N, C-alpha and C. Protein backbone atom coordinates (compact mmCIF):
# COMPACT_ATOMS: atom_id res chain seq x y z
N MET A 1 2.65 4.18 -11.01
CA MET A 1 2.03 5.22 -10.13
C MET A 1 2.84 5.69 -8.98
N THR A 2 2.88 7.04 -9.09
CA THR A 2 3.68 7.87 -8.04
C THR A 2 2.76 8.31 -7.07
N PRO A 3 2.98 8.01 -5.72
CA PRO A 3 2.07 8.47 -4.70
C PRO A 3 2.32 9.90 -4.42
N ILE A 4 1.40 10.51 -3.90
CA ILE A 4 1.37 12.06 -3.57
C ILE A 4 1.55 12.13 -1.97
N ARG A 5 2.43 12.91 -1.51
CA ARG A 5 2.49 12.90 -0.04
C ARG A 5 1.30 13.64 0.20
N ILE A 6 0.51 13.13 1.38
CA ILE A 6 -0.83 13.73 1.81
C ILE A 6 -0.55 13.73 3.38
N ASN A 7 -0.30 12.94 4.26
CA ASN A 7 -0.10 12.97 5.62
C ASN A 7 0.53 11.67 6.17
N ASP A 8 1.08 11.73 7.27
CA ASP A 8 1.88 10.70 7.79
C ASP A 8 0.95 9.28 7.92
N TRP A 9 -0.13 9.46 8.28
CA TRP A 9 -1.10 8.15 8.34
C TRP A 9 -1.22 7.60 7.04
N GLU A 10 -1.66 8.22 5.97
CA GLU A 10 -1.70 7.73 4.84
C GLU A 10 -0.44 7.16 4.17
N ASP A 11 0.59 8.13 4.43
CA ASP A 11 1.90 7.60 3.83
C ASP A 11 2.38 6.30 4.31
N SER A 12 2.02 6.01 5.69
CA SER A 12 2.50 4.60 6.19
C SER A 12 1.46 3.55 5.81
N CYS A 13 0.38 3.81 5.15
CA CYS A 13 -0.51 2.74 4.80
C CYS A 13 -0.34 2.49 3.18
N TRP A 14 0.44 3.15 2.33
CA TRP A 14 0.33 3.02 1.06
C TRP A 14 0.96 1.77 0.55
N LEU A 15 0.05 1.13 -0.36
CA LEU A 15 0.43 -0.18 -0.84
C LEU A 15 0.49 -0.02 -2.42
N GLY A 16 1.59 -0.28 -3.08
CA GLY A 16 1.61 -0.19 -4.41
C GLY A 16 0.74 -1.33 -5.16
N PRO A 17 0.43 -1.01 -6.49
CA PRO A 17 -0.20 -2.07 -7.28
C PRO A 17 0.40 -3.30 -7.35
N ASN A 18 1.68 -3.34 -7.70
CA ASN A 18 2.39 -4.56 -7.80
C ASN A 18 2.63 -5.41 -6.39
N ASP A 19 2.69 -4.61 -5.33
CA ASP A 19 2.81 -5.35 -4.01
C ASP A 19 1.29 -5.91 -3.70
N PHE A 20 0.32 -5.21 -4.03
CA PHE A 20 -1.13 -5.55 -3.92
C PHE A 20 -1.29 -7.02 -4.62
N LEU A 21 -1.05 -6.81 -5.92
CA LEU A 21 -1.24 -8.13 -6.73
C LEU A 21 -0.42 -9.42 -6.35
N ASN A 22 0.91 -9.01 -5.77
CA ASN A 22 1.74 -9.97 -5.25
C ASN A 22 0.99 -10.72 -4.08
N GLY A 23 0.72 -9.80 -3.18
CA GLY A 23 0.22 -10.29 -2.01
C GLY A 23 -1.25 -11.03 -1.99
N LEU A 24 -2.03 -10.63 -2.97
CA LEU A 24 -3.15 -11.37 -3.17
C LEU A 24 -3.03 -12.66 -3.71
N THR A 25 -2.03 -12.68 -4.86
CA THR A 25 -1.47 -13.93 -5.39
C THR A 25 -1.06 -14.94 -4.50
N LEU A 26 -0.18 -14.38 -3.54
CA LEU A 26 0.36 -15.26 -2.34
C LEU A 26 -0.83 -15.88 -1.54
N ALA A 27 -1.71 -14.88 -1.16
CA ALA A 27 -2.94 -15.22 -0.13
C ALA A 27 -3.61 -16.40 -0.98
N VAL A 28 -4.03 -16.32 -2.20
CA VAL A 28 -4.90 -17.23 -2.86
C VAL A 28 -4.21 -18.63 -2.97
N GLU A 29 -2.65 -18.55 -3.29
CA GLU A 29 -1.94 -19.77 -3.53
C GLU A 29 -1.54 -20.43 -2.39
N VAL A 30 -1.31 -19.96 -1.27
CA VAL A 30 -0.77 -20.49 0.06
C VAL A 30 -1.77 -21.70 0.60
N MET A 31 -1.14 -22.87 0.89
CA MET A 31 -1.90 -23.86 1.70
C MET A 31 -1.91 -23.61 2.97
N LEU A 32 -3.11 -23.20 3.67
CA LEU A 32 -3.12 -23.05 5.10
C LEU A 32 -4.33 -23.64 5.56
N ASP A 33 -4.31 -23.98 7.02
CA ASP A 33 -5.44 -24.21 7.62
C ASP A 33 -5.97 -23.09 8.57
N GLY A 34 -7.21 -22.86 8.33
CA GLY A 34 -7.76 -21.81 9.13
C GLY A 34 -7.59 -20.72 8.26
N TYR A 35 -7.49 -19.39 9.19
CA TYR A 35 -7.38 -18.23 8.22
C TYR A 35 -6.41 -17.53 9.28
N HIS A 36 -5.98 -16.23 8.22
CA HIS A 36 -5.01 -15.30 9.13
C HIS A 36 -5.40 -13.92 8.34
N VAL A 37 -5.09 -13.04 9.43
CA VAL A 37 -5.37 -11.50 9.08
C VAL A 37 -3.86 -10.91 8.93
N VAL A 38 -3.38 -10.36 7.94
CA VAL A 38 -2.03 -9.88 7.86
C VAL A 38 -2.11 -8.52 7.12
N ASN A 39 -1.01 -7.81 7.57
CA ASN A 39 -0.91 -6.49 7.10
C ASN A 39 -0.05 -6.47 5.69
N LEU A 40 -0.66 -5.83 4.58
CA LEU A 40 -0.16 -5.70 3.29
C LEU A 40 0.33 -4.36 3.08
N VAL A 41 1.50 -3.80 3.16
CA VAL A 41 1.89 -2.49 2.81
C VAL A 41 3.15 -2.40 1.96
N SER A 42 3.56 -1.43 1.39
CA SER A 42 4.71 -1.37 0.52
C SER A 42 5.87 -0.93 1.42
N ASP A 43 6.88 -0.95 1.01
CA ASP A 43 8.14 -0.40 1.75
C ASP A 43 8.10 1.10 2.03
N ASN A 44 7.49 1.65 3.18
CA ASN A 44 7.16 2.98 3.49
C ASN A 44 7.97 3.43 4.44
N PRO A 45 8.74 4.82 4.24
CA PRO A 45 9.72 5.26 5.00
C PRO A 45 9.16 5.38 6.59
N ALA A 46 7.74 5.67 6.77
CA ALA A 46 7.14 5.75 8.06
C ALA A 46 6.29 4.52 8.52
N GLY A 47 6.86 3.44 8.16
CA GLY A 47 6.09 2.10 8.35
C GLY A 47 5.78 1.97 9.84
N ARG A 48 4.35 1.88 10.07
CA ARG A 48 3.94 1.61 11.19
C ARG A 48 3.31 0.31 11.41
N TRP A 49 3.38 -0.54 10.35
CA TRP A 49 2.75 -1.81 10.20
C TRP A 49 3.75 -2.93 10.17
N SER A 50 3.69 -3.92 11.04
CA SER A 50 4.39 -5.14 10.99
C SER A 50 4.07 -5.98 9.81
N LEU A 51 5.17 -6.43 9.02
CA LEU A 51 4.89 -7.36 7.92
C LEU A 51 5.38 -8.55 8.46
N ASP A 52 5.72 -8.88 9.70
CA ASP A 52 6.29 -9.95 9.94
C ASP A 52 5.27 -11.37 9.70
N GLU A 53 4.08 -11.19 10.15
CA GLU A 53 3.07 -12.41 9.83
C GLU A 53 3.06 -12.49 8.40
N ALA A 54 2.89 -11.44 7.42
CA ALA A 54 2.71 -11.42 6.10
C ALA A 54 3.86 -12.32 5.58
N ARG A 55 5.10 -12.04 5.93
CA ARG A 55 6.42 -12.64 5.54
C ARG A 55 6.26 -14.15 5.98
N GLU A 56 5.97 -14.35 7.31
CA GLU A 56 5.95 -15.65 7.77
C GLU A 56 4.79 -16.64 7.14
N VAL A 57 3.64 -16.19 6.99
CA VAL A 57 2.44 -16.90 6.51
C VAL A 57 2.52 -17.08 4.95
N LEU A 58 2.56 -15.90 4.34
CA LEU A 58 2.62 -15.75 2.81
C LEU A 58 3.77 -15.76 2.06
N GLY A 59 4.85 -15.41 2.74
CA GLY A 59 6.28 -15.32 2.12
C GLY A 59 6.22 -13.66 1.34
N PHE A 60 5.39 -12.79 1.69
CA PHE A 60 5.43 -11.68 1.20
C PHE A 60 6.43 -10.72 1.69
N VAL A 61 7.07 -10.06 0.64
CA VAL A 61 8.12 -9.10 0.82
C VAL A 61 7.77 -8.01 -0.10
N PRO A 62 7.55 -6.76 0.38
CA PRO A 62 7.36 -5.59 -0.62
C PRO A 62 8.55 -5.36 -1.54
N SER A 63 7.91 -5.13 -2.87
CA SER A 63 8.92 -4.87 -3.95
C SER A 63 8.95 -3.38 -4.36
N GLU A 64 7.85 -2.57 -3.88
CA GLU A 64 7.55 -1.16 -4.22
C GLU A 64 8.06 -0.42 -3.10
N ARG A 65 8.71 0.87 -3.44
CA ARG A 65 9.15 1.69 -2.54
C ARG A 65 8.40 2.88 -2.62
N TYR A 66 8.08 3.48 -1.37
CA TYR A 66 7.07 4.54 -1.40
C TYR A 66 8.03 5.88 -1.42
N GLU A 67 7.76 6.74 -2.43
CA GLU A 67 8.64 8.00 -2.83
C GLU A 67 7.70 9.05 -3.25
N PRO A 68 7.08 9.69 -2.06
CA PRO A 68 6.21 10.55 -2.38
C PRO A 68 6.85 11.72 -3.23
N ARG A 69 6.02 12.68 -4.03
CA ARG A 69 6.57 13.70 -4.78
C ARG A 69 6.37 15.09 -3.92
N GLY A 70 6.08 14.97 -2.69
CA GLY A 70 6.03 16.24 -2.03
C GLY A 70 4.65 16.55 -1.56
N ARG A 71 4.54 17.34 -0.49
CA ARG A 71 3.32 17.72 0.18
C ARG A 71 2.54 18.90 -0.77
N ARG A 72 1.35 18.60 -0.85
CA ARG A 72 0.46 19.51 -1.58
C ARG A 72 -0.47 20.31 -0.61
N GLY A 73 -0.95 21.30 -1.08
CA GLY A 73 -1.96 22.18 -0.21
C GLY A 73 -3.37 21.55 -0.25
N ARG A 74 -4.23 21.97 0.51
CA ARG A 74 -5.52 21.26 0.73
C ARG A 74 -6.18 21.30 -0.75
N VAL A 75 -6.14 22.62 -1.38
CA VAL A 75 -6.93 22.67 -2.69
C VAL A 75 -6.25 21.72 -3.82
N SER A 76 -4.91 21.66 -3.75
CA SER A 76 -4.26 20.95 -4.59
C SER A 76 -4.68 19.35 -4.50
N ARG A 77 -4.70 18.97 -3.28
CA ARG A 77 -5.07 17.51 -2.75
C ARG A 77 -6.61 17.37 -3.25
N LEU A 78 -7.60 18.38 -3.01
CA LEU A 78 -8.72 18.01 -3.39
C LEU A 78 -8.97 17.94 -5.04
N MET A 79 -8.09 18.83 -5.59
CA MET A 79 -8.26 18.75 -6.95
C MET A 79 -7.63 17.31 -7.58
N CYS A 80 -6.74 16.91 -7.00
CA CYS A 80 -5.95 15.63 -7.36
C CYS A 80 -6.91 14.49 -7.01
N ARG A 81 -7.68 14.63 -5.90
CA ARG A 81 -8.46 13.50 -5.65
C ARG A 81 -9.76 13.35 -6.51
N LEU A 82 -10.21 14.62 -6.85
CA LEU A 82 -11.51 14.73 -7.72
C LEU A 82 -11.07 14.30 -9.11
N GLY A 83 -9.88 14.73 -9.62
CA GLY A 83 -9.55 14.39 -10.99
C GLY A 83 -9.17 12.80 -10.84
N TRP A 84 -8.79 12.26 -10.00
CA TRP A 84 -8.36 10.98 -10.02
C TRP A 84 -9.76 10.15 -9.85
N SER A 85 -10.71 10.52 -9.02
CA SER A 85 -12.16 9.82 -8.85
C SER A 85 -12.72 9.92 -10.32
N LEU A 86 -12.60 11.01 -10.87
CA LEU A 86 -13.23 11.05 -12.30
C LEU A 86 -12.65 10.39 -13.33
N ARG A 87 -11.45 10.06 -13.26
CA ARG A 87 -10.83 9.21 -14.37
C ARG A 87 -11.06 7.81 -14.04
N GLN A 88 -11.32 7.50 -12.93
CA GLN A 88 -11.81 6.03 -12.64
C GLN A 88 -13.20 5.67 -12.93
N SER A 89 -14.18 6.71 -13.28
CA SER A 89 -15.62 6.54 -13.47
C SER A 89 -15.61 5.90 -14.80
């Protein structure tokens, strides 16, 4: 799955499917007392989120690299989102 460049905020939050599954697996299998809230994001060039706690608590290291295809116009973004949501139905 190749991400589409939308804006800086969404770019910094991108989490690839393999990183999601890896993070979820680690969270289920780790033996902890209590609970922790950690950030899970892929390796994003505009990374705003610290993965320090996810590394420390879960051993999470992102394996996917964010490589957007380029910025699209508003109409193209809307069409892409509509097409994606229709395919998911």
